[in-house]
Amino acid sequence: MARIKGGIATHKRHKKVLALTKGHASTRHSLFKRAHESMVHAMSYAFAHRRARKGDLRRLWITRINAAARAEGLTYGELISGLKLAGIDINRKVLADMAVSDSVAFAAVAAKAAAVKTN
C-alpha cells in the first residue's frame, strides 16, 4: 500500500491555528507549537469565562435593582420578597432593564411589593 503523507491537511491545520492566534504576543502567533499551546489556553479561558459571564450579569442586574429599589424606599431583599408574596413573576434581567429604562413602571412594581410587605 502506498504511503500517504497528509501534507495538505497538516498545512491547513497549521494555518487554522496560526489564524486563531493572530494578535498573540511574541512567537505565540508565528510558531505552530507555541501558537497551539497559546490557542489551547485561550480556548479554555474563553470556555470558562462564557460561563462566568452569566454570574457577572446577574450581579450587575442585582446591583441595578438594589439601587432602584432603595430610591423607592425598599431594600433589594424586601423588593424580591414582596414580589414573590404578591405573585409577580418578573426575572432580574427584566427588573434591571425596567429600573434603567422605565423607572415609572419599576416604581409601580415596587409599590405593589411594598404594599404586600406592609400587610
PDB file of N, CA and C in Angstrom:
ATOM      1  N   MET A   1       0.845  -1.181   0.000  1.00  0.00           N
ATOM      2  CA  MET A   1       0.000   0.000   0.000  1.00  0.00           C
ATOM      3  C   MET A   1       0.893   1.247   0.000  1.00  0.00           C
ATOM      4  N   ALA A   2       0.457   2.263  -0.715  1.00  0.00           N
ATOM      5  CA  ALA A   2       1.238   3.492  -0.844  1.00  0.00           C
ATOM      6  C   ALA A   2       1.144   4.325   0.427  1.00  0.00           C
ATOM      7  N   ARG A   3       2.225   5.023   0.708  1.00  0.00           N
ATOM      8  CA  ARG A   3       2.276   5.892   1.883  1.00  0.00           C
ATOM      9  C   ARG A   3       1.574   7.216   1.579  1.00  0.00           C
ATOM     10  N   ILE A   4       0.766   7.691   2.523  1.00  0.00           N
ATOM     11  CA  ILE A   4       0.080   8.969   2.376  1.00  0.00           C
ATOM     12  C   ILE A   4       0.676   9.928   3.402  1.00  0.00           C
ATOM     13  N   LYS A   5       1.214  11.015   2.921  1.00  0.00           N
ATOM     14  CA  LYS A   5       1.927  11.933   3.815  1.00  0.00           C
ATOM     15  C   LYS A   5       1.012  12.952   4.495  1.00  0.00           C
ATOM     16  N   GLY A   6      -0.065  13.351   3.875  1.00  0.00           N
ATOM     17  CA  GLY A   6      -1.005  14.258   4.530  1.00  0.00           C
ATOM     18  C   GLY A   6      -0.509  15.674   4.695  1.00  0.00           C
ATOM     19  N   GLY A   7       0.367  16.123   3.816  1.00  0.00           N
ATOM     20  CA  GLY A   7       0.920  17.469   3.943  1.00  0.00           C
ATOM     21  C   GLY A   7      -0.122  18.562   3.805  1.00  0.00           C
ATOM     22  N   ILE A   8      -1.112  18.336   2.967  1.00  0.00           N
ATOM     23  CA  ILE A   8      -2.148  19.347   2.751  1.00  0.00           C
ATOM     24  C   ILE A   8      -2.971  19.541   4.014  1.00  0.00           C
ATOM     25  N   ALA A   9      -3.372  18.434   4.646  1.00  0.00           N
ATOM     26  CA  ALA A   9      -4.179  18.519   5.865  1.00  0.00           C
ATOM     27  C   ALA A   9      -3.393  19.173   6.991  1.00  0.00           C
ATOM     28  N   THR A  10      -2.106  18.806   7.102  1.00  0.00           N
ATOM     29  CA  THR A  10      -1.274  19.396   8.149  1.00  0.00           C
ATOM     30  C   THR A  10      -1.119  20.895   7.942  1.00  0.00           C
ATOM     31  N   HIS A  11      -0.849  21.274   6.699  1.00  0.00           N
ATOM     32  CA  HIS A  11      -0.685  22.699   6.396  1.00  0.00           C
ATOM     33  C   HIS A  11      -1.970  23.473   6.707  1.00  0.00           C
ATOM     34  N   LYS A  12      -3.094  22.878   6.356  1.00  0.00           N
ATOM     35  CA  LYS A  12      -4.387  23.523   6.614  1.00  0.00           C
ATOM     36  C   LYS A  12      -4.627  23.687   8.115  1.00  0.00           C
ATOM     37  N   ARG A  13      -4.304  22.636   8.890  1.00  0.00           N
ATOM     38  CA  ARG A  13      -4.474  22.691  10.339  1.00  0.00           C
ATOM     39  C   ARG A  13      -3.560  23.744  10.954  1.00  0.00           C
ATOM     40  N   HIS A  14      -2.312  23.791  10.486  1.00  0.00           N
ATOM     41  CA  HIS A  14      -1.364  24.781  10.999  1.00  0.00           C
ATOM     42  C   HIS A  14      -1.850  26.198  10.684  1.00  0.00           C
ATOM     43  N   LYS A  15      -2.341  26.413   9.470  1.00  0.00           N
ATOM     44  CA  LYS A  15      -2.838  27.738   9.091  1.00  0.00           C
ATOM     45  C   LYS A  15      -4.012  28.157   9.975  1.00  0.00           C
ATOM     46  N   LYS A  16      -4.891  27.184  10.293  1.00  0.00           N
ATOM     47  CA  LYS A  16      -6.057  27.476  11.130  1.00  0.00           C
ATOM     48  C   LYS A  16      -5.625  27.910  12.532  1.00  0.00           C
ATOM     49  N   VAL A  17      -4.665  27.198  13.109  1.00  0.00           N
ATOM     50  CA  VAL A  17      -4.175  27.534  14.452  1.00  0.00           C
ATOM     51  C   VAL A  17      -3.494  28.903  14.432  1.00  0.00           C
ATOM     52  N   LEU A  18      -2.670  29.151  13.426  1.00  0.00           N
ATOM     53  CA  LEU A  18      -1.970  30.432  13.344  1.00  0.00           C
ATOM     54  C   LEU A  18      -2.948  31.584  13.117  1.00  0.00           C
ATOM     55  N   ALA A  19      -4.043  31.323  12.410  1.00  0.00           N
ATOM     56  CA  ALA A  19      -5.056  32.363  12.212  1.00  0.00           C
ATOM     57  C   ALA A  19      -5.781  32.658  13.522  1.00  0.00           C
ATOM     58  N   LEU A  20      -6.033  31.613  14.322  1.00  0.00           N
ATOM     59  CA  LEU A  20      -6.720  31.808  15.603  1.00  0.00           C
ATOM     60  C   LEU A  20      -5.853  32.562  16.616  1.00  0.00           C
ATOM     61  N   THR A  21      -4.539  32.447  16.474  1.00  0.00           N
ATOM     62  CA  THR A  21      -3.648  33.104  17.435  1.00  0.00           C
ATOM     63  C   THR A  21      -3.119  34.433  16.915  1.00  0.00           C
ATOM     64  N   LYS A  22      -3.705  34.953  15.874  1.00  0.00           N
ATOM     65  CA  LYS A  22      -3.297  36.259  15.349  1.00  0.00           C
ATOM     66  C   LYS A  22      -3.491  37.305  16.453  1.00  0.00           C
ATOM     67  N   GLY A  23      -2.467  38.079  16.681  1.00  0.00           N
ATOM     68  CA  GLY A  23      -2.546  39.103  17.721  1.00  0.00           C
ATOM     69  C   GLY A  23      -1.922  38.673  19.027  1.00  0.00           C
ATOM     70  N   HIS A  24      -1.570  37.384  19.172  1.00  0.00           N
ATOM     71  CA  HIS A  24      -0.895  36.948  20.387  1.00  0.00           C
ATOM     72  C   HIS A  24       0.555  37.435  20.350  1.00  0.00           C
ATOM     73  N   ALA A  25       1.153  37.575  21.503  1.00  0.00           N
ATOM     74  CA  ALA A  25       2.483  38.179  21.604  1.00  0.00           C
ATOM     75  C   ALA A  25       3.597  37.218  21.203  1.00  0.00           C
ATOM     76  N   SER A  26       4.713  37.802  20.833  1.00  0.00           N
ATOM     77  CA  SER A  26       5.963  37.093  20.588  1.00  0.00           C
ATOM     78  C   SER A  26       5.791  35.958  19.581  1.00  0.00           C
ATOM     79  N   THR A  27       6.314  34.775  19.885  1.00  0.00           N
ATOM     80  CA  THR A  27       6.226  33.659  18.930  1.00  0.00           C
ATOM     81  C   THR A  27       4.909  32.901  19.052  1.00  0.00           C
ATOM     82  N   ARG A  28       4.036  33.343  19.916  1.00  0.00           N
ATOM     83  CA  ARG A  28       2.755  32.655  20.110  1.00  0.00           C
ATOM     84  C   ARG A  28       1.820  32.809  18.916  1.00  0.00           C
ATOM     85  N   HIS A  29       2.168  33.660  17.978  1.00  0.00           N
ATOM     86  CA  HIS A  29       1.345  33.808  16.782  1.00  0.00           C
ATOM     87  C   HIS A  29       2.058  33.351  15.513  1.00  0.00           C
ATOM     88  N   SER A  30       3.344  32.953  15.658  1.00  0.00           N
ATOM     89  CA  SER A  30       4.086  32.615  14.443  1.00  0.00           C
ATOM     90  C   SER A  30       4.634  31.187  14.418  1.00  0.00           C
ATOM     91  N   LEU A  31       4.983  30.632  15.563  1.00  0.00           N
ATOM     92  CA  LEU A  31       5.475  29.256  15.618  1.00  0.00           C
ATOM     93  C   LEU A  31       4.325  28.324  15.980  1.00  0.00           C
ATOM     94  N   PHE A  32       4.152  27.268  15.202  1.00  0.00           N
ATOM     95  CA  PHE A  32       2.982  26.417  15.387  1.00  0.00           C
ATOM     96  C   PHE A  32       2.882  25.845  16.796  1.00  0.00           C
ATOM     97  N   LYS A  33       3.978  25.301  17.308  1.00  0.00           N
ATOM     98  CA  LYS A  33       3.925  24.652  18.625  1.00  0.00           C
ATOM     99  C   LYS A  33       3.524  25.650  19.708  1.00  0.00           C
ATOM    100  N   ARG A  34       4.166  26.808  19.711  1.00  0.00           N
ATOM    101  CA  ARG A  34       3.827  27.846  20.706  1.00  0.00           C
ATOM    102  C   ARG A  34       2.411  28.375  20.468  1.00  0.00           C
ATOM    103  N   ALA A  35       2.052  28.516  19.210  1.00  0.00           N
ATOM    104  CA  ALA A  35       0.712  29.023  18.885  1.00  0.00           C
ATOM    105  C   ALA A  35      -0.353  28.041  19.334  1.00  0.00           C
ATOM    106  N   HIS A  36      -0.104  26.751  19.168  1.00  0.00           N
ATOM    107  CA  HIS A  36      -1.087  25.743  19.581  1.00  0.00           C
ATOM    108  C   HIS A  36      -1.276  25.770  21.089  1.00  0.00           C
ATOM    109  N   GLU A  37      -0.179  25.869  21.836  1.00  0.00           N
ATOM    110  CA  GLU A  37      -0.265  25.973  23.301  1.00  0.00           C
ATOM    111  C   GLU A  37      -1.068  27.206  23.694  1.00  0.00           C
ATOM    112  N   SER A  38      -0.778  28.317  23.048  1.00  0.00           N
ATOM    113  CA  SER A  38      -1.467  29.569  23.333  1.00  0.00           C
ATOM    114  C   SER A  38      -2.957  29.463  23.012  1.00  0.00           C
ATOM    115  N   MET A  39      -3.263  28.809  21.896  1.00  0.00           N
ATOM    116  CA  MET A  39      -4.656  28.637  21.492  1.00  0.00           C
ATOM    117  C   MET A  39      -5.421  27.767  22.494  1.00  0.00           C
ATOM    118  N   VAL A  40      -4.795  26.683  22.961  1.00  0.00           N
ATOM    119  CA  VAL A  40      -5.461  25.794  23.918  1.00  0.00           C
ATOM    120  C   VAL A  40      -5.783  26.550  25.207  1.00  0.00           C
ATOM    121  N   HIS A  41      -4.821  27.346  25.686  1.00  0.00           N
ATOM    122  CA  HIS A  41      -5.064  28.142  26.892  1.00  0.00           C
ATOM    123  C   HIS A  41      -6.174  29.160  26.654  1.00  0.00           C
ATOM    124  N   ALA A  42      -6.093  29.836  25.513  1.00  0.00           N
ATOM    125  CA  ALA A  42      -7.087  30.872  25.202  1.00  0.00           C
ATOM    126  C   ALA A  42      -8.482  30.275  25.105  1.00  0.00           C
ATOM    127  N   MET A  43      -8.595  29.113  24.474  1.00  0.00           N
ATOM    128  CA  MET A  43      -9.902  28.472  24.330  1.00  0.00           C
ATOM    129  C   MET A  43     -10.461  28.025  25.682  1.00  0.00           C
ATOM    130  N   SER A  44      -9.586  27.549  26.571  1.00  0.00           N
ATOM    131  CA  SER A  44     -10.077  27.118  27.880  1.00  0.00           C
ATOM    132  C   SER A  44     -10.555  28.318  28.701  1.00  0.00           C
ATOM    133  N   TYR A  45      -9.825  29.443  28.593  1.00  0.00           N
ATOM    134  CA  TYR A  45     -10.268  30.654  29.271  1.00  0.00           C
ATOM    135  C   TYR A  45     -11.598  31.140  28.692  1.00  0.00           C
ATOM    136  N   ALA A  46     -11.723  31.085  27.376  1.00  0.00           N
ATOM    137  CA  ALA A  46     -12.956  31.527  26.732  1.00  0.00           C
ATOM    138  C   ALA A  46     -14.136  30.682  27.194  1.00  0.00           C
ATOM    139  N   PHE A  47     -13.924  29.371  27.285  1.00  0.00           N
ATOM    140  CA  PHE A  47     -14.981  28.456  27.735  1.00  0.00           C
ATOM    141  C   PHE A  47     -15.414  28.799  29.157  1.00  0.00           C
ATOM    142  N   ALA A  48     -14.437  28.963  30.046  1.00  0.00           N
ATOM    143  CA  ALA A  48     -14.752  29.249  31.449  1.00  0.00           C
ATOM    144  C   ALA A  48     -15.428  30.607  31.604  1.00  0.00           C
ATOM    145  N   HIS A  49     -14.950  31.598  30.861  1.00  0.00           N
ATOM    146  CA  HIS A  49     -15.481  32.945  31.037  1.00  0.00           C
ATOM    147  C   HIS A  49     -16.844  33.146  30.379  1.00  0.00           C
ATOM    148  N   ARG A  50     -17.168  32.300  29.387  1.00  0.00           N
ATOM    149  CA  ARG A  50     -18.547  32.348  28.870  1.00  0.00           C
ATOM    150  C   ARG A  50     -19.521  31.953  29.970  1.00  0.00           C
ATOM    151  N   ARG A  51     -19.107  31.025  30.819  1.00  0.00           N
ATOM    152  CA  ARG A  51     -19.970  30.624  31.925  1.00  0.00           C
ATOM    153  C   ARG A  51     -19.925  31.634  33.066  1.00  0.00           C
ATOM    154  N   ALA A  52     -18.764  32.214  33.304  1.00  0.00           N
ATOM    155  CA  ALA A  52     -18.634  33.221  34.365  1.00  0.00           C
ATOM    156  C   ALA A  52     -19.432  34.477  34.035  1.00  0.00           C
ATOM    157  N   ARG A  53     -19.594  34.766  32.738  1.00  0.00           N
ATOM    158  CA  ARG A  53     -20.340  35.961  32.314  1.00  0.00           C
ATOM    159  C   ARG A  53     -21.768  35.931  32.830  1.00  0.00           C
ATOM    160  N   LYS A  54     -22.350  34.731  32.910  1.00  0.00           N
ATOM    161  CA  LYS A  54     -23.726  34.618  33.397  1.00  0.00           C
ATOM    162  C   LYS A  54     -23.836  35.163  34.822  1.00  0.00           C
ATOM    163  N   GLY A  55     -22.891  34.780  35.683  1.00  0.00           N
ATOM    164  CA  GLY A  55     -22.888  35.272  37.057  1.00  0.00           C
ATOM    165  C   GLY A  55     -22.592  36.753  37.135  1.00  0.00           C
ATOM    166  N   ASP A  56     -21.679  37.216  36.270  1.00  0.00           N
ATOM    167  CA  ASP A  56     -21.340  38.645  36.249  1.00  0.00           C
ATOM    168  C   ASP A  56     -22.564  39.485  35.912  1.00  0.00           C
ATOM    169  N   LEU A  57     -23.321  39.040  34.903  1.00  0.00           N
ATOM    170  CA  LEU A  57     -24.521  39.789  34.514  1.00  0.00           C
ATOM    171  C   LEU A  57     -25.572  39.751  35.611  1.00  0.00           C
ATOM    172  N   ARG A  58     -25.729  38.598  36.265  1.00  0.00           N
ATOM    173  CA  ARG A  58     -26.706  38.520  37.358  1.00  0.00           C
ATOM    174  C   ARG A  58     -26.329  39.488  38.485  1.00  0.00           C
ATOM    175  N   ARG A  59     -25.038  39.568  38.820  1.00  0.00           N
ATOM    176  CA  ARG A  59     -24.587  40.517  39.848  1.00  0.00           C
ATOM    177  C   ARG A  59     -24.871  41.956  39.425  1.00  0.00           C
ATOM    178  N   LEU A  60     -24.658  42.256  38.147  1.00  0.00           N
ATOM    179  CA  LEU A  60     -24.944  43.599  37.640  1.00  0.00           C
ATOM    180  C   LEU A  60     -26.427  43.920  37.762  1.00  0.00           C
ATOM    181  N   TRP A  61     -27.279  42.953  37.374  1.00  0.00           N
ATOM    182  CA  TRP A  61     -28.732  43.170  37.464  1.00  0.00           C
ATOM    183  C   TRP A  61     -29.144  43.411  38.910  1.00  0.00           C
ATOM    184  N   ILE A  62     -28.613  42.620  39.834  1.00  0.00           N
ATOM    185  CA  ILE A  62     -28.977  42.761  41.248  1.00  0.00           C
ATOM    186  C   ILE A  62     -28.543  44.129  41.775  1.00  0.00           C
ATOM    187  N   THR A  63     -27.362  44.587  41.368  1.00  0.00           N
ATOM    188  CA  THR A  63     -26.880  45.899  41.795  1.00  0.00           C
ATOM    189  C   THR A  63     -27.813  47.000  41.306  1.00  0.00           C
ATOM    190  N   ARG A  64     -28.218  46.906  40.027  1.00  0.00           N
ATOM    191  CA  ARG A  64     -29.114  47.921  39.462  1.00  0.00           C
ATOM    192  C   ARG A  64     -30.482  47.892  40.130  1.00  0.00           C
ATOM    193  N   ILE A  65     -30.998  46.700  40.386  1.00  0.00           N
ATOM    194  CA  ILE A  65     -32.308  46.582  41.052  1.00  0.00           C
ATOM    195  C   ILE A  65     -32.231  47.150  42.456  1.00  0.00           C
ATOM    196  N   ASN A  66     -31.149  46.848  43.169  1.00  0.00           N
ATOM    197  CA  ASN A  66     -30.986  47.331  44.535  1.00  0.00           C
ATOM    198  C   ASN A  66     -30.948  48.856  44.566  1.00  0.00           C
ATOM    199  N   ALA A  67     -30.217  49.467  43.624  1.00  0.00           N
ATOM    200  CA  ALA A  67     -30.129  50.939  43.588  1.00  0.00           C
ATOM    201  C   ALA A  67     -31.502  51.549  43.327  1.00  0.00           C
ATOM    202  N   ALA A  68     -32.249  50.963  42.372  1.00  0.00           N
ATOM    203  CA  ALA A  68     -33.570  51.497  42.054  1.00  0.00           C
ATOM    204  C   ALA A  68     -34.554  51.251  43.199  1.00  0.00           C
ATOM    205  N   ALA A  69     -34.437  50.098  43.860  1.00  0.00           N
ATOM    206  CA  ALA A  69     -35.324  49.778  44.977  1.00  0.00           C
ATOM    207  C   ALA A  69     -35.085  50.734  46.143  1.00  0.00           C
ATOM    208  N   ARG A  70     -33.832  51.037  46.414  1.00  0.00           N
ATOM    209  CA  ARG A  70     -33.517  51.967  47.505  1.00  0.00           C
ATOM    210  C   ARG A  70     -34.033  53.368  47.205  1.00  0.00           C
ATOM    211  N   ALA A  71     -34.087  53.731  45.933  1.00  0.00           N
ATOM    212  CA  ALA A  71     -34.679  55.019  45.560  1.00  0.00           C
ATOM    213  C   ALA A  71     -36.173  55.029  45.847  1.00  0.00           C
ATOM    214  N   GLU A  72     -36.785  53.840  45.857  1.00  0.00           N
ATOM    215  CA  GLU A  72     -38.214  53.707  46.166  1.00  0.00           C
ATOM    216  C   GLU A  72     -38.455  53.415  47.653  1.00  0.00           C
ATOM    217  N   GLY A  73     -37.393  53.390  48.451  1.00  0.00           N
ATOM    218  CA  GLY A  73     -37.531  53.185  49.895  1.00  0.00           C
ATOM    219  C   GLY A  73     -37.556  51.726  50.319  1.00  0.00           C
ATOM    220  N   LEU A  74     -37.102  50.837  49.482  1.00  0.00           N
ATOM    221  CA  LEU A  74     -37.047  49.402  49.799  1.00  0.00           C
ATOM    222  C   LEU A  74     -35.612  48.909  49.633  1.00  0.00           C
ATOM    223  N   THR A  75     -35.289  47.808  50.299  1.00  0.00           N
ATOM    224  CA  THR A  75     -34.020  47.157  50.003  1.00  0.00           C
ATOM    225  C   THR A  75     -34.279  46.121  48.915  1.00  0.00           C
ATOM    226  N   TYR A  76     -33.195  45.582  48.373  1.00  0.00           N
ATOM    227  CA  TYR A  76     -33.319  44.564  47.326  1.00  0.00           C
ATOM    228  C   TYR A  76     -34.093  43.352  47.844  1.00  0.00           C
ATOM    229  N   GLY A  77     -33.732  42.897  49.041  1.00  0.00           N
ATOM    230  CA  GLY A  77     -34.385  41.719  49.625  1.00  0.00           C
ATOM    231  C   GLY A  77     -35.873  41.948  49.875  1.00  0.00           C
ATOM    232  N   GLU A  78     -36.202  43.134  50.374  1.00  0.00           N
ATOM    233  CA  GLU A  78     -37.619  43.454  50.613  1.00  0.00           C
ATOM    234  C   GLU A  78     -38.398  43.479  49.297  1.00  0.00           C
ATOM    235  N   LEU A  79     -37.793  44.031  48.260  1.00  0.00           N
ATOM    236  CA  LEU A  79     -38.452  44.091  46.950  1.00  0.00           C
ATOM    237  C   LEU A  79     -38.707  42.693  46.406  1.00  0.00           C
ATOM    238  N   ILE A  80     -37.694  41.849  46.412  1.00  0.00           N
ATOM    239  CA  ILE A  80     -37.824  40.492  45.866  1.00  0.00           C
ATOM    240  C   ILE A  80     -38.831  39.688  46.696  1.00  0.00           C
ATOM    241  N   SER A  81     -38.755  39.828  48.014  1.00  0.00           N
ATOM    242  CA  SER A  81     -39.695  39.126  48.890  1.00  0.00           C
ATOM    243  C   SER A  81     -41.119  39.590  48.629  1.00  0.00           C
ATOM    244  N   GLY A  82     -41.310  40.900  48.507  1.00  0.00           N
ATOM    245  CA  GLY A  82     -42.639  41.447  48.233  1.00  0.00           C
ATOM    246  C   GLY A  82     -43.181  40.991  46.887  1.00  0.00           C
ATOM    247  N   LEU A  83     -42.321  40.919  45.883  1.00  0.00           N
ATOM    248  CA  LEU A  83     -42.752  40.442  44.561  1.00  0.00           C
ATOM    249  C   LEU A  83     -43.190  38.980  44.620  1.00  0.00           C
ATOM    250  N   LYS A  84     -42.452  38.173  45.370  1.00  0.00           N
ATOM    251  CA  LYS A  84     -42.818  36.757  45.487  1.00  0.00           C
ATOM    252  C   LYS A  84     -44.158  36.599  46.207  1.00  0.00           C
ATOM    253  N   LEU A  85     -44.351  37.376  47.296  1.00  0.00           N
ATOM    254  CA  LEU A  85     -45.612  37.305  48.044  1.00  0.00           C
ATOM    255  C   LEU A  85     -46.787  37.819  47.220  1.00  0.00           C
ATOM    256  N   ALA A  86     -46.537  38.821  46.375  1.00  0.00           N
ATOM    257  CA  ALA A  86     -47.600  39.388  45.541  1.00  0.00           C
ATOM    258  C   ALA A  86     -47.891  38.514  44.323  1.00  0.00           C
ATOM    259  N   GLY A  87     -47.044  37.521  44.086  1.00  0.00           N
ATOM    260  CA  GLY A  87     -47.254  36.646  42.934  1.00  0.00           C
ATOM    261  C   GLY A  87     -46.809  37.262  41.621  1.00  0.00           C
ATOM    262  N   ILE A  88     -45.961  38.271  41.708  1.00  0.00           N
ATOM    263  CA  ILE A  88     -45.439  38.917  40.493  1.00  0.00           C
ATOM    264  C   ILE A  88     -44.161  38.190  40.098  1.00  0.00           C
ATOM    265  N   ASP A  89     -44.187  37.585  38.926  1.00  0.00           N
ATOM    266  CA  ASP A  89     -43.069  36.756  38.485  1.00  0.00           C
ATOM    267  C   ASP A  89     -42.303  37.471  37.372  1.00  0.00           C
ATOM    268  N   ILE A  90     -41.383  38.355  37.780  1.00  0.00           N
ATOM    269  CA  ILE A  90     -40.534  39.069  36.825  1.00  0.00           C
ATOM    270  C   ILE A  90     -39.091  38.697  37.152  1.00  0.00           C
ATOM    271  N   ASN A  91     -38.336  38.292  36.134  1.00  0.00           N
ATOM    272  CA  ASN A  91     -36.947  37.914  36.411  1.00  0.00           C
ATOM    273  C   ASN A  91     -36.066  39.141  36.604  1.00  0.00           C
ATOM    274  N   ARG A  92     -34.867  38.912  37.097  1.00  0.00           N
ATOM    275  CA  ARG A  92     -33.979  40.006  37.464  1.00  0.00           C
ATOM    276  C   ARG A  92     -33.511  40.800  36.250  1.00  0.00           C
ATOM    277  N   LYS A  93     -33.364  40.131  35.106  1.00  0.00           N
ATOM    278  CA  LYS A  93     -32.927  40.831  33.891  1.00  0.00           C
ATOM    279  C   LYS A  93     -33.967  41.869  33.483  1.00  0.00           C
ATOM    280  N   VAL A  94     -35.227  41.490  33.512  1.00  0.00           N
ATOM    281  CA  VAL A  94     -36.306  42.405  33.123  1.00  0.00           C
ATOM    282  C   VAL A  94     -36.444  43.519  34.169  1.00  0.00           C
ATOM    283  N   LEU A  95     -36.348  43.162  35.458  1.00  0.00           N
ATOM    284  CA  LEU A  95     -36.424  44.178  36.512  1.00  0.00           C
ATOM    285  C   LEU A  95     -35.304  45.213  36.362  1.00  0.00           C
ATOM    286  N   ALA A  96     -34.089  44.742  36.092  1.00  0.00           N
ATOM    287  CA  ALA A  96     -32.962  45.661  35.922  1.00  0.00           C
ATOM    288  C   ALA A  96     -33.169  46.559  34.711  1.00  0.00           C
ATOM    289  N   ASP A  97     -33.702  45.999  33.638  1.00  0.00           N
ATOM    290  CA  ASP A  97     -33.969  46.792  32.442  1.00  0.00           C
ATOM    291  C   ASP A  97     -35.044  47.841  32.727  1.00  0.00           C
ATOM    292  N   MET A  98     -36.069  47.445  33.487  1.00  0.00           N
ATOM    293  CA  MET A  98     -37.107  48.405  33.877  1.00  0.00           C
ATOM    294  C   MET A  98     -36.520  49.517  34.738  1.00  0.00           C
ATOM    295  N   ALA A  99     -35.654  49.141  35.666  1.00  0.00           N
ATOM    296  CA  ALA A  99     -35.052  50.121  36.567  1.00  0.00           C
ATOM    297  C   ALA A  99     -34.242  51.160  35.797  1.00  0.00           C
ATOM    298  N   VAL A 100     -33.583  50.732  34.729  1.00  0.00           N
ATOM    299  CA  VAL A 100     -32.732  51.641  33.959  1.00  0.00           C
ATOM    300  C   VAL A 100     -33.548  52.455  32.956  1.00  0.00           C
ATOM    301  N   SER A 101     -34.449  51.791  32.223  1.00  0.00           N
ATOM    302  CA  SER A 101     -35.091  52.468  31.091  1.00  0.00           C
ATOM    303  C   SER A 101     -36.522  52.932  31.352  1.00  0.00           C
ATOM    304  N   ASP A 102     -37.227  52.304  32.304  1.00  0.00           N
ATOM    305  CA  ASP A 102     -38.633  52.661  32.541  1.00  0.00           C
ATOM    306  C   ASP A 102     -38.873  52.766  34.049  1.00  0.00           C
ATOM    307  N   SER A 103     -38.401  53.858  34.638  1.00  0.00           N
ATOM    308  CA  SER A 103     -38.458  53.998  36.093  1.00  0.00           C
ATOM    309  C   SER A 103     -39.893  54.120  36.622  1.00  0.00           C
ATOM    310  N   VAL A 104     -40.818  54.594  35.797  1.00  0.00           N
ATOM    311  CA  VAL A 104     -42.224  54.719  36.220  1.00  0.00           C
ATOM    312  C   VAL A 104     -42.821  53.337  36.443  1.00  0.00           C
ATOM    313  N   ALA A 105     -42.580  52.426  35.497  1.00  0.00           N
ATOM    314  CA  ALA A 105     -43.081  51.060  35.630  1.00  0.00           C
ATOM    315  C   ALA A 105     -42.421  50.359  36.809  1.00  0.00           C
ATOM    316  N   PHE A 106     -41.114  50.595  36.995  1.00  0.00           N
ATOM    317  CA  PHE A 106     -40.420  49.985  38.126  1.00  0.00           C
ATOM    318  C   PHE A 106     -40.996  50.493  39.443  1.00  0.00           C
ATOM    319  N   ALA A 107     -41.309  51.781  39.499  1.00  0.00           N
ATOM    320  CA  ALA A 107     -41.893  52.356  40.721  1.00  0.00           C
ATOM    321  C   ALA A 107     -43.239  51.718  41.024  1.00  0.00           C
ATOM    322  N   ALA A 108     -44.035  51.434  39.983  1.00  0.00           N
ATOM    323  CA  ALA A 108     -45.336  50.785  40.183  1.00  0.00           C
ATOM    324  C   ALA A 108     -45.158  49.367  40.722  1.00  0.00           C
ATOM    325  N   VAL A 109     -44.200  48.651  40.181  1.00  0.00           N
ATOM    326  CA  VAL A 109     -43.930  47.287  40.652  1.00  0.00           C
ATOM    327  C   VAL A 109     -43.432  47.324  42.095  1.00  0.00           C
ATOM    328  N   ALA A 110     -42.539  48.268  42.391  1.00  0.00           N
ATOM    329  CA  ALA A 110     -42.011  48.400  43.745  1.00  0.00           C
ATOM    330  C   ALA A 110     -43.119  48.778  44.726  1.00  0.00           C
ATOM    331  N   ALA A 111     -44.078  49.597  44.282  1.00  0.00           N
ATOM    332  CA  ALA A 111     -45.193  49.983  45.151  1.00  0.00           C
ATOM    333  C   ALA A 111     -46.057  48.773  45.499  1.00  0.00           C
ATOM    334  N   LYS A 112     -46.271  47.894  44.516  1.00  0.00           N
ATOM    335  CA  LYS A 112     -47.042  46.672  44.789  1.00  0.00           C
ATOM    336  C   LYS A 112     -46.303  45.769  45.764  1.00  0.00           C
ATOM    337  N   ALA A 113     -44.989  45.664  45.602  1.00  0.00           N
ATOM    338  CA  ALA A 113     -44.180  44.848  46.516  1.00  0.00           C
ATOM    339  C   ALA A 113     -44.198  45.443  47.917  1.00  0.00           C
ATOM    340  N   ALA A 114     -44.145  46.765  48.025  1.00  0.00           N
ATOM    341  CA  ALA A 114     -44.171  47.429  49.324  1.00  0.00           C
ATOM    342  C   ALA A 114     -45.533  47.270  49.990  1.00  0.00           C
ATOM    343  N   ALA A 115     -46.609  47.292  49.182  1.00  0.00           N
ATOM    344  CA  ALA A 115     -47.953  47.139  49.738  1.00  0.00           C
ATOM    345  C   ALA A 115     -48.133  45.744  50.329  1.00  0.00           C
ATOM    346  N   VAL A 116     -47.611  44.739  49.672  1.00  0.00           N
ATOM    347  CA  VAL A 116     -47.707  43.364  50.185  1.00  0.00           C
ATOM    348  C   VAL A 116     -46.871  43.220  51.444  1.00  0.00           C
ATOM    349  N   LYS A 117     -45.706  43.893  51.454  1.00  0.00           N
ATOM    350  CA  LYS A 117     -44.791  43.801  52.594  1.00  0.00           C
ATOM    351  C   LYS A 117     -45.430  44.371  53.862  1.00  0.00           C
ATOM    352  N   THR A 118     -46.185  45.469  53.738  1.00  0.00           N
ATOM    353  CA  THR A 118     -46.773  46.108  54.906  1.00  0.00           C
ATOM    354  C   THR A 118     -47.992  45.360  55.421  1.00  0.00           C
ATOM    355  N   ASN A 119     -48.678  44.614  54.559  1.00  0.00           N
ATOM    356  CA  ASN A 119     -49.886  43.885  55.003  1.00  0.00           C
ATOM    357  C   ASN A 119     -49.573  42.616  55.726  1.00  0.00           C
TER     358      ASN A 119
END
